[in-house]
């Protein structure tokens, strides 16, 4: 029997480029798989240059999966990364997530002008 990895430290899933219709499902599946294996997952979206509606929906599903698994989910937006922050804010889902600007998690991700 393999030892459970559920109690291992936080795992980071770094994503770059676009999270659009073509990438959203793969992103969602990878994130949810990590949530089943670890109590704490960080989604590093600081390298994301475009977040489409399918990507936002995938993020919401991942957060719901984290809640159901009693796991901690943190989303790294990148400091002032409009490509991530703006779509989350204008769709009013930003409050669903623990958003931080960078991997050290010091402080909120902030507002985008």
Foldseek 3Di string as FASTA:
>chain_A
DDDAQADPDEEEDEDAEECDPVNLVVVLVVLLVVLVRYQHYEYEDQRYLAYDPSNVVSVVVSLVSNVVSNHHYEYANAQLRCRPQVVCVVVVNPVSHQYAPDDVRPDHSDDHD
